[in-house]
C-alpha atoms as a PDB file:
ATOM      1  CA  MET A   1       0.000   0.000   0.000  1.00  0.00           C
ATOM      2  CA  ARG A   2       1.569   3.262  -1.126  1.00  0.00           C
ATOM      3  CA  CYS A   3       1.570   6.352   1.086  1.00  0.00           C
ATOM      4  CA  GLY A   4       1.410  10.024   0.287  1.00  0.00           C
ATOM      5  CA  ILE A   5       3.918  11.994   2.360  1.00  0.00           C
ATOM      6  CA  PHE A   6       2.912  15.457   3.447  1.00  0.00           C
ATOM      7  CA  TYR A   7       5.388  17.718   5.200  1.00  0.00           C
ATOM      8  CA  ARG A   8       3.715  20.382   7.282  1.00  0.00           C
ATOM      9  CA  VAL A   9       6.654  21.332   9.483  1.00  0.00           C
ATOM     10  CA  GLN A  10       7.203  25.062   9.606  1.00  0.00           C
ATOM     11  CA  ARG A  11      10.970  25.477   9.609  1.00  0.00           C
ATOM     12  CA  THR A  12      10.974  28.608  11.712  1.00  0.00           C
ATOM     13  CA  THR A  13      14.101  29.697  13.528  1.00  0.00           C
ATOM     14  CA  ASP A  14      12.363  29.643  16.919  1.00  0.00           C
ATOM     15  CA  ILE A  15      12.177  25.819  16.730  1.00  0.00           C
ATOM     16  CA  ILE A  16      14.561  24.445  14.119  1.00  0.00           C
ATOM     17  CA  SER A  17      17.537  26.465  15.304  1.00  0.00           C
ATOM     18  CA  LYS A  18      17.288  25.086  18.855  1.00  0.00           C
ATOM     19  CA  THR A  19      18.814  21.930  20.337  1.00  0.00           C
ATOM     20  CA  LEU A  20      16.946  18.932  21.715  1.00  0.00           C
ATOM     21  CA  SER A  21      17.708  19.972  25.288  1.00  0.00           C
ATOM     22  CA  GLN A  22      16.395  23.466  24.657  1.00  0.00           C
ATOM     23  CA  VAL A  23      13.144  22.231  23.134  1.00  0.00           C
ATOM     24  CA  GLY A  24      12.370  19.110  25.186  1.00  0.00           C
ATOM     25  CA  GLU A  25      10.664  15.826  24.405  1.00  0.00           C
ATOM     26  CA  ARG A  26       7.043  16.851  23.811  1.00  0.00           C
ATOM     27  CA  PRO A  27       7.736  19.713  21.353  1.00  0.00           C
ATOM     28  CA  LEU A  28      10.145  17.391  19.533  1.00  0.00           C
ATOM     29  CA  ILE A  29       7.445  14.743  19.111  1.00  0.00           C
ATOM     30  CA  GLU A  30       4.944  17.366  17.923  1.00  0.00           C
ATOM     31  CA  LEU A  31       7.456  18.598  15.361  1.00  0.00           C
ATOM     32  CA  LEU A  32       8.100  15.086  14.059  1.00  0.00           C
ATOM     33  CA  ARG A  33       4.382  14.298  13.938  1.00  0.00           C
ATOM     34  CA  GLN A  34       3.869  17.163  11.518  1.00  0.00           C
ATOM     35  CA  GLY A  35       6.241  15.569   9.032  1.00  0.00           C
ATOM     36  CA  ALA A  36       5.050  11.969   9.385  1.00  0.00           C
ATOM     37  CA  ALA A  37       3.718  10.023   6.401  1.00  0.00           C
ATOM     38  CA  LEU A  38      -0.051   9.672   6.124  1.00  0.00           C
ATOM     39  CA  CYS A  39      -1.174   6.151   5.141  1.00  0.00           C
ATOM     40  CA  PRO A  40      -4.694   4.704   4.984  1.00  0.00           C
ATOM     41  CA  ASP A  41      -3.633   1.592   6.919  1.00  0.00           C
ATOM     42  CA  VAL A  42      -2.459   3.657   9.927  1.00  0.00           C
ATOM     43  CA  VAL A  43      -5.211   3.826  12.548  1.00  0.00           C
ATOM     44  CA  VAL A  44      -3.118   5.621  15.195  1.00  0.00           C
ATOM     45  CA  GLY A  45       0.190   7.216  14.269  1.00  0.00           C
ATOM     46  CA  MET A  46       2.801   9.087  16.281  1.00  0.00           C
ATOM     47  CA  GLY A  47       1.862  10.627  19.618  1.00  0.00           C
ATOM     48  CA  ASP A  48       0.151   7.873  21.602  1.00  0.00           C
ATOM     49  CA  ASP A  49       1.598   5.089  23.759  1.00  0.00           C
ATOM     50  CA  CYS A  50       1.663   2.793  20.713  1.00  0.00           C
ATOM     51  CA  ALA A  51       0.983   2.961  16.997  1.00  0.00           C
ATOM     52  CA  VAL A  52      -2.019   1.033  15.662  1.00  0.00           C
ATOM     53  CA  VAL A  53      -2.184  -0.290  12.096  1.00  0.00           C
ATOM     54  CA  ARG A  54      -4.682  -2.366  10.111  1.00  0.00           C
ATOM     55  CA  VAL A  55      -3.324  -4.816   7.546  1.00  0.00           C
ATOM     56  CA  SER A  56      -6.478  -4.787   5.396  1.00  0.00           C
ATOM     57  CA  PRO A  57      -9.752  -2.827   5.317  1.00  0.00           C
ATOM     58  CA  ASP A  58     -11.734  -5.860   6.504  1.00  0.00           C
ATOM     59  CA  ALA A  59      -9.269  -7.092   9.148  1.00  0.00           C
ATOM     60  CA  ALA A  60     -10.887  -8.325  12.369  1.00  0.00           C
ATOM     61  CA  GLU A  61      -7.852  -7.335  14.438  1.00  0.00           C
ATOM     62  CA  ASP A  62      -5.609  -4.300  14.629  1.00  0.00           C
ATOM     63  CA  ILE A  63      -1.843  -4.524  15.086  1.00  0.00           C
ATOM     64  CA  VAL A  64      -0.283  -2.541  17.934  1.00  0.00           C
ATOM     65  CA  LEU A  65       3.389  -1.515  17.632  1.00  0.00           C
ATOM     66  CA  LYS A  66       5.791  -0.178  20.243  1.00  0.00           C
ATOM     67  CA  SER A  67       9.537   0.384  20.623  1.00  0.00           C
ATOM     68  CA  ASP A  68      11.393   1.348  23.782  1.00  0.00           C
ATOM     69  CA  PRO A  69      15.113   1.661  24.635  1.00  0.00           C
ATOM     70  CA  ILE A  70      16.920   1.372  27.933  1.00  0.00           C
ATOM     71  CA  ILE A  71      20.491   2.616  28.310  1.00  0.00           C
ATOM     72  CA  ARG A  72      23.005   1.989  31.072  1.00  0.00           C
ATOM     73  CA  GLY A  73      23.573   5.200  32.992  1.00  0.00           C
ATOM     74  CA  ARG A  74      20.205   6.580  31.904  1.00  0.00           C
ATOM     75  CA  HIS A  75      17.611   3.930  32.832  1.00  0.00           C
ATOM     76  CA  PHE A  76      19.681   1.719  35.118  1.00  0.00           C
ATOM     77  CA  LEU A  77      23.014   1.814  36.926  1.00  0.00           C
ATOM     78  CA  GLY A  78      25.919  -0.454  36.121  1.00  0.00           C
ATOM     79  CA  ASP A  79      25.482  -2.511  39.308  1.00  0.00           C
ATOM     80  CA  ALA A  80      21.837  -3.370  38.602  1.00  0.00           C
ATOM     81  CA  PRO A  81      21.292  -7.154  38.428  1.00  0.00           C
ATOM     82  CA  PRO A  82      21.385  -8.118  34.732  1.00  0.00           C
ATOM     83  CA  GLU A  83      18.236 -10.253  34.906  1.00  0.00           C
ATOM     84  CA  LEU A  84      16.322  -7.256  36.269  1.00  0.00           C
ATOM     85  CA  VAL A  85      17.800  -5.069  33.526  1.00  0.00           C
ATOM     86  CA  GLY A  86      16.348  -7.513  30.994  1.00  0.00           C
ATOM     87  CA  ARG A  87      13.042  -7.593  32.814  1.00  0.00           C
ATOM     88  CA  LYS A  88      12.794  -3.815  32.746  1.00  0.00           C
ATOM     89  CA  ALA A  89      13.696  -3.635  29.057  1.00  0.00           C
ATOM     90  CA  VAL A  90      10.794  -5.873  28.047  1.00  0.00           C
ATOM     91  CA  GLY A  91       8.477  -4.669  30.818  1.00  0.00           C
ATOM     92  CA  ARG A  92       8.571  -1.074  29.592  1.00  0.00           C
ATOM     93  CA  ALA A  93       7.338  -2.066  26.140  1.00  0.00           C
ATOM     94  CA  LEU A  94       4.719  -4.410  27.591  1.00  0.00           C
ATOM     95  CA  SER A  95       3.399  -1.636  29.828  1.00  0.00           C
ATOM     96  CA  ASP A  96       2.662   0.485  26.764  1.00  0.00           C
ATOM     97  CA  ILE A  97       0.970  -2.456  25.050  1.00  0.00           C
ATOM     98  CA  ALA A  98      -1.149  -2.880  28.195  1.00  0.00           C
ATOM     99  CA  SER A  99      -2.166   0.782  28.142  1.00  0.00           C
ATOM    100  CA  MET A 100      -3.829   0.267  24.748  1.00  0.00           C
ATOM    101  CA  GLY A 101      -5.698  -2.802  26.018  1.00  0.00           C
ATOM    102  CA  ALA A 102      -3.786  -5.070  23.639  1.00  0.00           C
ATOM    103  CA  THR A 103      -2.289  -8.561  23.878  1.00  0.00           C
ATOM    104  CA  PRO A 104       1.486  -8.803  23.297  1.00  0.00           C
ATOM    105  CA  ARG A 105       2.618 -11.297  20.643  1.00  0.00           C
ATOM    106  CA  TRP A 106       6.201 -10.885  19.432  1.00  0.00           C
ATOM    107  CA  LEU A 107       9.343  -9.029  20.474  1.00  0.00           C
ATOM    108  CA  LEU A 108      12.449  -7.915  18.606  1.00  0.00           C
ATOM    109  CA  VAL A 109      15.523  -6.904  20.613  1.00  0.00           C
ATOM    110  CA  ASP A 110      18.484  -4.873  19.409  1.00  0.00           C
ATOM    111  CA  LEU A 111      21.559  -5.430  21.599  1.00  0.00           C
ATOM    112  CA  VAL A 112      24.063  -2.559  21.449  1.00  0.00           C
ATOM    113  CA  ALA A 113      27.051  -3.155  23.704  1.00  0.00           C
ATOM    114  CA  PRO A 114      30.808  -2.647  24.211  1.00  0.00           C
ATOM    115  CA  GLY A 115      32.931  -5.454  22.781  1.00  0.00           C
ATOM    116  CA  ASP A 116      34.379  -6.313  26.187  1.00  0.00           C
ATOM    117  CA  THR A 117      30.963  -7.041  27.744  1.00  0.00           C
ATOM    118  CA  PRO A 118      31.077 -10.519  29.338  1.00  0.00           C
ATOM    119  CA  LEU A 119      28.814 -13.066  27.674  1.00  0.00           C
ATOM    120  CA  GLU A 120      27.722 -14.173  31.132  1.00  0.00           C
ATOM    121  CA  TYR A 121      26.221 -10.717  31.655  1.00  0.00           C
ATOM    122  CA  ILE A 122      24.438 -10.700  28.279  1.00  0.00           C
ATOM    123  CA  THR A 123      22.957 -14.170  28.756  1.00  0.00           C
ATOM    124  CA  ALA A 124      21.673 -13.104  32.187  1.00  0.00           C
ATOM    125  CA  VAL A 125      20.032 -10.027  30.639  1.00  0.00           C
ATOM    126  CA  PHE A 126      18.323 -12.199  28.018  1.00  0.00           C
ATOM    127  CA  LYS A 127      17.277 -14.670  30.688  1.00  0.00           C
ATOM    128  CA  GLY A 128      15.400 -11.826  32.366  1.00  0.00           C
ATOM    129  CA  MET A 129      13.863 -10.718  29.076  1.00  0.00           C
ATOM    130  CA  ASN A 130      12.753 -14.227  28.131  1.00  0.00           C
ATOM    131  CA  ALA A 131      11.264 -14.807  31.578  1.00  0.00           C
ATOM    132  CA  VAL A 132       9.033 -11.731  31.548  1.00  0.00           C
ATOM    133  CA  ALA A 133       8.070 -12.353  27.907  1.00  0.00           C
ATOM    134  CA  ALA A 134       6.979 -15.903  28.748  1.00  0.00           C
ATOM    135  CA  GLU A 135       5.100 -14.630  31.801  1.00  0.00           C
ATOM    136  CA  TYR A 136       2.926 -12.448  29.567  1.00  0.00           C
ATOM    137  CA  GLY A 137       2.506 -14.882  26.694  1.00  0.00           C
ATOM    138  CA  CYS A 138       4.864 -13.465  24.078  1.00  0.00           C
ATOM    139  CA  ALA A 139       8.326 -14.329  22.748  1.00  0.00           C
ATOM    140  CA  ILE A 140      11.546 -12.779  21.476  1.00  0.00           C
ATOM    141  CA  VAL A 141      11.734 -13.748  17.805  1.00  0.00           C
ATOM    142  CA  GLY A 142      14.736 -11.786  16.538  1.00  0.00           C
ATOM    143  CA  GLY A 143      16.594  -8.492  16.517  1.00  0.00           C
ATOM    144  CA  ASP A 144      20.118  -7.303  15.802  1.00  0.00           C
ATOM    145  CA  THR A 145      23.460  -6.609  17.481  1.00  0.00           C
ATOM    146  CA  CYS A 146      25.894  -3.716  17.256  1.00  0.00           C
ATOM    147  CA  LYS A 147      29.042  -2.568  19.010  1.00  0.00           C
ATOM    148  CA  SER A 148      28.979   0.682  20.983  1.00  0.00           C
ATOM    149  CA  GLY A 149      30.641   2.394  23.916  1.00  0.00           C
ATOM    150  CA  GLU A 150      27.674   1.810  26.231  1.00  0.00           C
ATOM    151  CA  LEU A 151      25.064  -0.912  26.732  1.00  0.00           C
ATOM    152  CA  HIS A 152      21.704  -0.277  25.044  1.00  0.00           C
ATOM    153  CA  LEU A 153      18.696  -2.586  24.727  1.00  0.00           C
ATOM    154  CA  HIS A 154      16.085  -1.557  22.163  1.00  0.00           C
ATOM    155  CA  VAL A 155      12.882  -3.588  22.448  1.00  0.00           C
ATOM    156  CA  PHE A 156      10.241  -3.644  19.717  1.00  0.00           C
ATOM    157  CA  CYS A 157       6.876  -5.206  20.589  1.00  0.00           C
ATOM    158  CA  CYS A 158       3.988  -6.212  18.343  1.00  0.00           C
ATOM    159  CA  GLY A 159       0.567  -6.902  19.841  1.00  0.00           C
ATOM    160  CA  THR A 160      -3.011  -7.354  18.690  1.00  0.00           C
ATOM    161  CA  LEU A 161      -6.505  -6.329  19.758  1.00  0.00           C
ATOM    162  CA  PRO A 162     -10.024  -6.389  18.309  1.00  0.00           C
ATOM    163  CA  ARG A 163     -10.534  -3.943  15.458  1.00  0.00           C
ATOM    164  CA  GLY A 164     -11.131  -0.378  16.619  1.00  0.00           C
ATOM    165  CA  SER A 165     -10.838  -1.141  20.333  1.00  0.00           C
ATOM    166  CA  ALA A 166      -7.513   0.523  21.212  1.00  0.00           C
ATOM    167  CA  ARG A 167      -7.772   2.886  24.180  1.00  0.00           C
ATOM    168  CA  LEU A 168      -6.117   6.220  23.398  1.00  0.00           C
ATOM    169  CA  ARG A 169      -5.018   9.350  25.218  1.00  0.00           C
ATOM    170  CA  SER A 170      -7.529  11.297  23.156  1.00  0.00           C
ATOM    171  CA  GLY A 171     -10.681   9.583  24.424  1.00  0.00           C
ATOM    172  CA  ALA A 172     -11.416  11.507  27.652  1.00  0.00           C
ATOM    173  CA  ARG A 173     -14.925  12.974  27.772  1.00  0.00           C
ATOM    174  CA  GLN A 174     -16.591  15.668  29.854  1.00  0.00           C
ATOM    175  CA  GLY A 175     -17.914  14.139  33.064  1.00  0.00           C
ATOM    176  CA  ASP A 176     -15.426  11.255  33.084  1.00  0.00           C
ATOM    177  CA  VAL A 177     -13.949  10.036  36.345  1.00  0.00           C
ATOM    178  CA  ILE A 178     -10.137   9.787  36.506  1.00  0.00           C
ATOM    179  CA  ARG A 179      -8.681   6.661  38.122  1.00  0.00           C
ATOM    180  CA  VAL A 180      -5.248   5.131  38.594  1.00  0.00           C
ATOM    181  CA  THR A 181      -4.104   1.631  39.510  1.00  0.00           C
ATOM    182  CA  GLY A 182      -1.657   0.803  42.309  1.00  0.00           C
ATOM    183  CA  GLU A 183       0.438   3.307  44.255  1.00  0.00           C
ATOM    184  CA  LEU A 184       2.631   6.077  42.897  1.00  0.00           C
ATOM    185  CA  GLY A 185       6.011   7.656  43.574  1.00  0.00           C
ATOM    186  CA  GLY A 186       9.403   6.517  44.766  1.00  0.00           C
ATOM    187  CA  SER A 187       9.832   3.805  42.143  1.00  0.00           C
ATOM    188  CA  LEU A 188      13.468   4.702  41.539  1.00  0.00           C
ATOM    189  CA  ALA A 189      14.382   4.974  45.215  1.00  0.00           C
ATOM    190  CA  SER A 190      12.662   1.687  46.096  1.00  0.00           C
ATOM    191  CA  GLY A 191      14.045  -0.260  43.125  1.00  0.00           C
ATOM    192  CA  ARG A 192      10.551  -1.084  41.860  1.00  0.00           C
ATOM    193  CA  HIS A 193      11.420   0.468  38.497  1.00  0.00           C
ATOM    194  CA  LEU A 194      13.435  -2.696  37.777  1.00  0.00           C
ATOM    195  CA  SER A 195      10.788  -5.225  38.815  1.00  0.00           C
ATOM    196  CA  PHE A 196       7.346  -3.673  38.202  1.00  0.00           C
ATOM    197  CA  PRO A 197       4.574  -5.898  36.812  1.00  0.00           C
ATOM    198  CA  PRO A 198       3.158  -4.604  33.500  1.00  0.00           C
ATOM    199  CA  ARG A 199      -0.608  -4.282  34.021  1.00  0.00           C
ATOM    200  CA  MET A 200      -1.422  -6.517  31.067  1.00  0.00           C
ATOM    201  CA  VAL A 201      -4.483  -8.378  32.351  1.00  0.00           C
ATOM    202  CA  GLU A 202      -5.831  -5.199  33.871  1.00  0.00           C
ATOM    203  CA  GLY A 203      -5.372  -3.254  30.622  1.00  0.00           C
ATOM    204  CA  GLN A 204      -7.219  -5.867  28.594  1.00  0.00           C
ATOM    205  CA  TRP A 205     -10.050  -5.908  31.159  1.00  0.00           C
ATOM    206  CA  LEU A 206     -10.257  -2.109  31.135  1.00  0.00           C
ATOM    207  CA  ARG A 207     -10.282  -1.848  27.338  1.00  0.00           C
ATOM    208  CA  ASP A 208     -14.056  -2.068  26.921  1.00  0.00           C
ATOM    209  CA  ARG A 209     -14.860  -0.056  30.053  1.00  0.00           C
ATOM    210  CA  VAL A 210     -12.835   3.162  29.751  1.00  0.00           C
ATOM    211  CA  ASN A 211     -12.715   6.149  27.398  1.00  0.00           C
ATOM    212  CA  SER A 212      -8.990   6.933  27.586  1.00  0.00           C
ATOM    213  CA  MET A 213      -5.934   5.223  29.033  1.00  0.00           C
ATOM    214  CA  ARG A 214      -2.139   5.394  29.250  1.00  0.00           C
ATOM    215  CA  ASP A 215       0.623   4.068  31.461  1.00  0.00           C
ATOM    216  CA  ILE A 216       2.585   6.176  33.950  1.00  0.00           C
ATOM    217  CA  SER A 217       6.201   6.251  32.879  1.00  0.00           C
ATOM    218  CA  ASP A 218       7.167   9.923  33.254  1.00  0.00           C
ATOM    219  CA  GLY A 219       5.137  10.833  36.349  1.00  0.00           C
ATOM    220  CA  LEU A 220       1.435  11.370  37.072  1.00  0.00           C
ATOM    221  CA  SER A 221       1.536  15.069  36.146  1.00  0.00           C
ATOM    222  CA  SER A 222       3.074  14.419  32.734  1.00  0.00           C
ATOM    223  CA  GLU A 223       0.577  11.673  31.929  1.00  0.00           C
ATOM    224  CA  LEU A 224      -2.431  13.754  33.001  1.00  0.00           C
ATOM    225  CA  TRP A 225      -1.231  16.519  30.727  1.00  0.00           C
ATOM    226  CA  HIS A 226      -0.823  14.058  27.852  1.00  0.00           C
ATOM    227  CA  ILE A 227      -4.488  13.083  28.205  1.00  0.00           C
ATOM    228  CA  ALA A 228      -5.495  16.751  28.575  1.00  0.00           C
ATOM    229  CA  HIS A 229      -3.651  17.790  25.410  1.00  0.00           C
ATOM    230  CA  GLU A 230      -4.745  14.868  23.246  1.00  0.00           C
ATOM    231  CA  SER A 231      -8.377  15.000  24.483  1.00  0.00           C
ATOM    232  CA  LYS A 232      -8.477  18.822  24.606  1.00  0.00           C
ATOM    233  CA  ALA A 233      -9.922  18.499  28.089  1.00  0.00           C
ATOM    234  CA  LEU A 234      -9.726  20.183  31.498  1.00  0.00           C
ATOM    235  CA  LEU A 235      -8.826  17.684  34.206  1.00  0.00           C
ATOM    236  CA  VAL A 236      -9.234  18.352  37.941  1.00  0.00           C
ATOM    237  CA  LEU A 237      -6.929  16.410  40.270  1.00  0.00           C
ATOM    238  CA  SER A 238      -7.744  15.741  43.933  1.00  0.00           C
ATOM    239  CA  ALA A 239      -4.280  15.851  45.517  1.00  0.00           C
ATOM    240  CA  ASP A 240      -5.420  14.166  48.735  1.00  0.00           C
ATOM    241  CA  ALA A 241      -6.750  11.191  46.770  1.00  0.00           C
ATOM    242  CA  VAL A 242      -3.500  10.317  44.961  1.00  0.00           C
ATOM    243  CA  PRO A 243      -2.398   6.865  46.220  1.00  0.00           C
ATOM    244  CA  LEU A 244       1.187   7.049  47.498  1.00  0.00           C
ATOM    245  CA  SER A 245       3.700   4.250  47.793  1.00  0.00           C
ATOM    246  CA  ALA A 246       5.342   3.717  51.172  1.00  0.00           C
ATOM    247  CA  THR A 247       8.574   5.173  49.776  1.00  0.00           C
ATOM    248  CA  ALA A 248       6.819   8.308  48.527  1.00  0.00           C
ATOM    249  CA  ALA A 249       4.828   8.728  51.741  1.00  0.00           C
ATOM    250  CA  ALA A 250       8.058   8.769  53.758  1.00  0.00           C
ATOM    251  CA  ASP A 251       9.545  11.556  51.620  1.00  0.00           C
ATOM    252  CA  ALA A 252       9.537  15.227  52.621  1.00  0.00           C
ATOM    253  CA  SER A 253       7.457  15.998  49.502  1.00  0.00           C
ATOM    254  CA  PRO A 254       5.276  12.917  49.011  1.00  0.00           C
ATOM    255  CA  LEU A 255       2.913  14.366  46.397  1.00  0.00           C
ATOM    256  CA  ASP A 256       5.856  15.580  44.311  1.00  0.00           C
ATOM    257  CA  ARG A 257       7.177  12.034  44.240  1.00  0.00           C
ATOM    258  CA  ALA A 258       3.886  10.793  42.767  1.00  0.00           C
ATOM    259  CA  LEU A 259       3.538  13.688  40.349  1.00  0.00           C
ATOM    260  CA  TYR A 260       7.054  13.861  38.959  1.00  0.00           C
ATOM    261  CA  ASP A 261       9.181  10.774  39.744  1.00  0.00           C
ATOM    262  CA  GLY A 262       7.896   8.509  36.987  1.00  0.00           C
ATOM    263  CA  GLU A 263       8.676   4.838  36.341  1.00  0.00           C
ATOM    264  CA  ASP A 264       5.557   3.671  38.189  1.00  0.00           C
ATOM    265  CA  PHE A 265       4.151   1.838  35.143  1.00  0.00           C
ATOM    266  CA  GLU A 266       0.640   1.878  36.543  1.00  0.00           C
ATOM    267  CA  LEU A 267      -2.428   2.609  34.394  1.00  0.00           C
ATOM    268  CA  LEU A 268      -4.127   6.006  34.316  1.00  0.00           C
ATOM    269  CA  PHE A 269      -7.568   6.127  32.716  1.00  0.00           C
ATOM    270  CA  THR A 270     -10.930   7.876  32.503  1.00  0.00           C
ATOM    271  CA  LEU A 271     -14.403   6.359  32.409  1.00  0.00           C
ATOM    272  CA  PRO A 272     -17.982   7.690  32.402  1.00  0.00           C
ATOM    273  CA  ALA A 273     -19.071   8.856  35.867  1.00  0.00           C
ATOM    274  CA  GLU A 274     -22.390   7.015  35.615  1.00  0.00           C
ATOM    275  CA  ASN A 275     -20.499   3.733  35.293  1.00  0.00           C
ATOM    276  CA  ASP A 276     -18.106   4.389  38.172  1.00  0.00           C
ATOM    277  CA  PRO A 277     -20.065   2.841  41.089  1.00  0.00           C
ATOM    278  CA  GLU A 278     -20.572  -0.438  39.235  1.00  0.00           C
ATOM    279  CA  PHE A 279     -17.002  -0.288  37.953  1.00  0.00           C
ATOM    280  CA  ASP A 280     -15.662   0.011  41.494  1.00  0.00           C
ATOM    281  CA  VAL A 281     -17.560  -3.092  42.586  1.00  0.00           C
ATOM    282  CA  GLU A 282     -16.427  -5.063  39.538  1.00  0.00           C
ATOM    283  CA  TRP A 283     -12.799  -4.015  39.985  1.00  0.00           C
ATOM    284  CA  ARG A 284     -12.711  -5.096  43.634  1.00  0.00           C
ATOM    285  CA  ARG A 285     -14.168  -8.443  42.659  1.00  0.00           C
ATOM    286  CA  ARG A 286     -11.800  -8.983  39.710  1.00  0.00           C
ATOM    287  CA  PHE A 287      -8.591  -7.521  41.198  1.00  0.00           C
ATOM    288  CA  PRO A 288      -8.946  -7.666  45.001  1.00  0.00           C
ATOM    289  CA  ASP A 289      -5.217  -7.172  45.653  1.00  0.00           C
ATOM    290  CA  LEU A 290      -4.692  -4.090  43.474  1.00  0.00           C
ATOM    291  CA  LYS A 291      -5.867  -0.595  44.340  1.00  0.00           C
ATOM    292  CA  CYS A 292      -7.783   1.396  41.757  1.00  0.00           C
ATOM    293  CA  THR A 293      -8.249   4.913  43.096  1.00  0.00           C
ATOM    294  CA  ARG A 294     -10.506   7.728  41.913  1.00  0.00           C
ATOM    295  CA  ILE A 295      -8.274  10.812  41.794  1.00  0.00           C
ATOM    296  CA  GLY A 296     -10.254  13.393  39.836  1.00  0.00           C
ATOM    297  CA  GLU A 297     -12.607  14.208  37.006  1.00  0.00           C
ATOM    298  CA  VAL A 298     -12.807  15.649  33.511  1.00  0.00           C
ATOM    299  CA  VAL A 299     -14.860  18.820  33.925  1.00  0.00           C
ATOM    300  CA  SER A 300     -14.948  20.145  30.365  1.00  0.00           C
ATOM    301  CA  THR A 301     -13.618  19.709  26.846  1.00  0.00           C
ATOM    302  CA  GLY A 302     -12.369  22.189  24.301  1.00  0.00           C
ATOM    303  CA  THR A 303      -9.295  23.495  26.131  1.00  0.00           C
ATOM    304  CA  ALA A 304      -6.446  21.463  27.621  1.00  0.00           C
ATOM    305  CA  GLY A 305      -5.565  21.918  31.277  1.00  0.00           C
ATOM    306  CA  VAL A 306      -4.826  20.114  34.537  1.00  0.00           C
ATOM    307  CA  VAL A 307      -5.636  21.835  37.829  1.00  0.00           C
ATOM    308  CA  PHE A 308      -6.025  20.956  41.491  1.00  0.00           C
ATOM    309  CA  THR A 309      -9.441  21.216  43.146  1.00  0.00           C
ATOM    310  CA  ASP A 310      -8.585  24.733  44.382  1.00  0.00           C
ATOM    311  CA  GLY A 311      -7.990  25.862  40.798  1.00  0.00           C
ATOM    312  CA  ALA A 312      -4.188  25.982  41.000  1.00  0.00           C
ATOM    313  CA  ARG A 313      -2.472  24.705  37.875  1.00  0.00           C
ATOM    314  CA  VAL A 314      -0.714  21.343  38.147  1.00  0.00           C
ATOM    315  CA  PRO A 315       2.815  22.008  36.826  1.00  0.00           C
ATOM    316  CA  GLU A 316       3.248  20.416  33.420  1.00  0.00           C
ATOM    317  CA  ARG A 317       6.441  18.536  34.095  1.00  0.00           C
ATOM    318  CA  GLY A 318       7.841  15.077  34.666  1.00  0.00           C
ATOM    319  CA  TYR A 319      10.770  13.107  33.348  1.00  0.00           C
ATOM    320  CA  ASP A 320      12.012  14.567  30.048  1.00  0.00           C
ATOM    321  CA  HIS A 321      14.674  12.587  28.171  1.00  0.00           C
ATOM    322  CA  PHE A 322      16.250  15.760  26.835  1.00  0.00           C
ATOM    323  CA  GLY A 323      15.721  17.895  29.909  1.00  0.00           C
ATOM    324  CA  LYS A 324      18.043  16.076  32.324  1.00  0.00           C
ATOM    325  CA  GLU A 325      21.538  14.680  32.309  1.00  0.00           C
ATOM    326  CA  GLY A 326      22.807  11.516  33.911  1.00  0.00           C
ATOM    327  CA  CYS A 327      21.110   8.432  35.201  1.00  0.00           C
ATOM    328  CA  LYS A 328      17.355   8.432  35.636  1.00  0.00           C
ATOM    329  CA  GLU A 329      17.972   6.823  38.986  1.00  0.00           C
END
């Protein structure tokens, strides 16, 4: 299927002349989206947790695609156990697949590493990757290798879901309730960022019950703003309702840990308020050991915004790959 390519990027000096660190991750993505190819088989292109494509007009299933890198010194420290490094590498991609409500199928892994890396270390990393893949019903089926000065793992995941059922950031509606699974904050300090469980079963269960959904990788604030921007909606956050991890609760600024730390890999979603009471009962019955907390509401659509209940603006920040230097830990 041939594609027509339309470039709509305005090469103005206020953007093009700047560096990645000056611009930041979100403006970069918006810039690249403007120049992306437009194809009739692309259901969801750049800008959501995953891309969604349809192999034929009458296909019963859609294909969900995701890639995610982890880099030593950026996403994990050199003394992190290699099996947990592998687990995180695959888990990050699976978390995004879960946020669309999809089922993971196949994985490709690019290994980029220094030539003096011990094979014992690499096999331990792949042991961790294979273990988490098997746990969630998918498999590593290929990839590539390359020499570099630092260890990188680039994971590409392909999943499937029923035609037209992907949950997007853009689906929030006026009157929706905002909920989040689990507890937030302190993932890096506690080490959970290496061993989190991708919410795969939960995402598939939520798929037909929610209007919008995404995973929390860059902090609650960042993810709320993603939904606000893509849905063109005003979200109100109840700060006192945000579920905090024990590590975050013990911090001097516990809410900041939940809002800005990132690497929680929980699911953030919105659903119609009229369905919320029944939803709460069903959730407790289906997932009795996992919190699912109501933390706010979508009060209007038309203009993007995220505010606290007192009207104060929730700062639009979180982890930005081009805004910080050094290890994410």
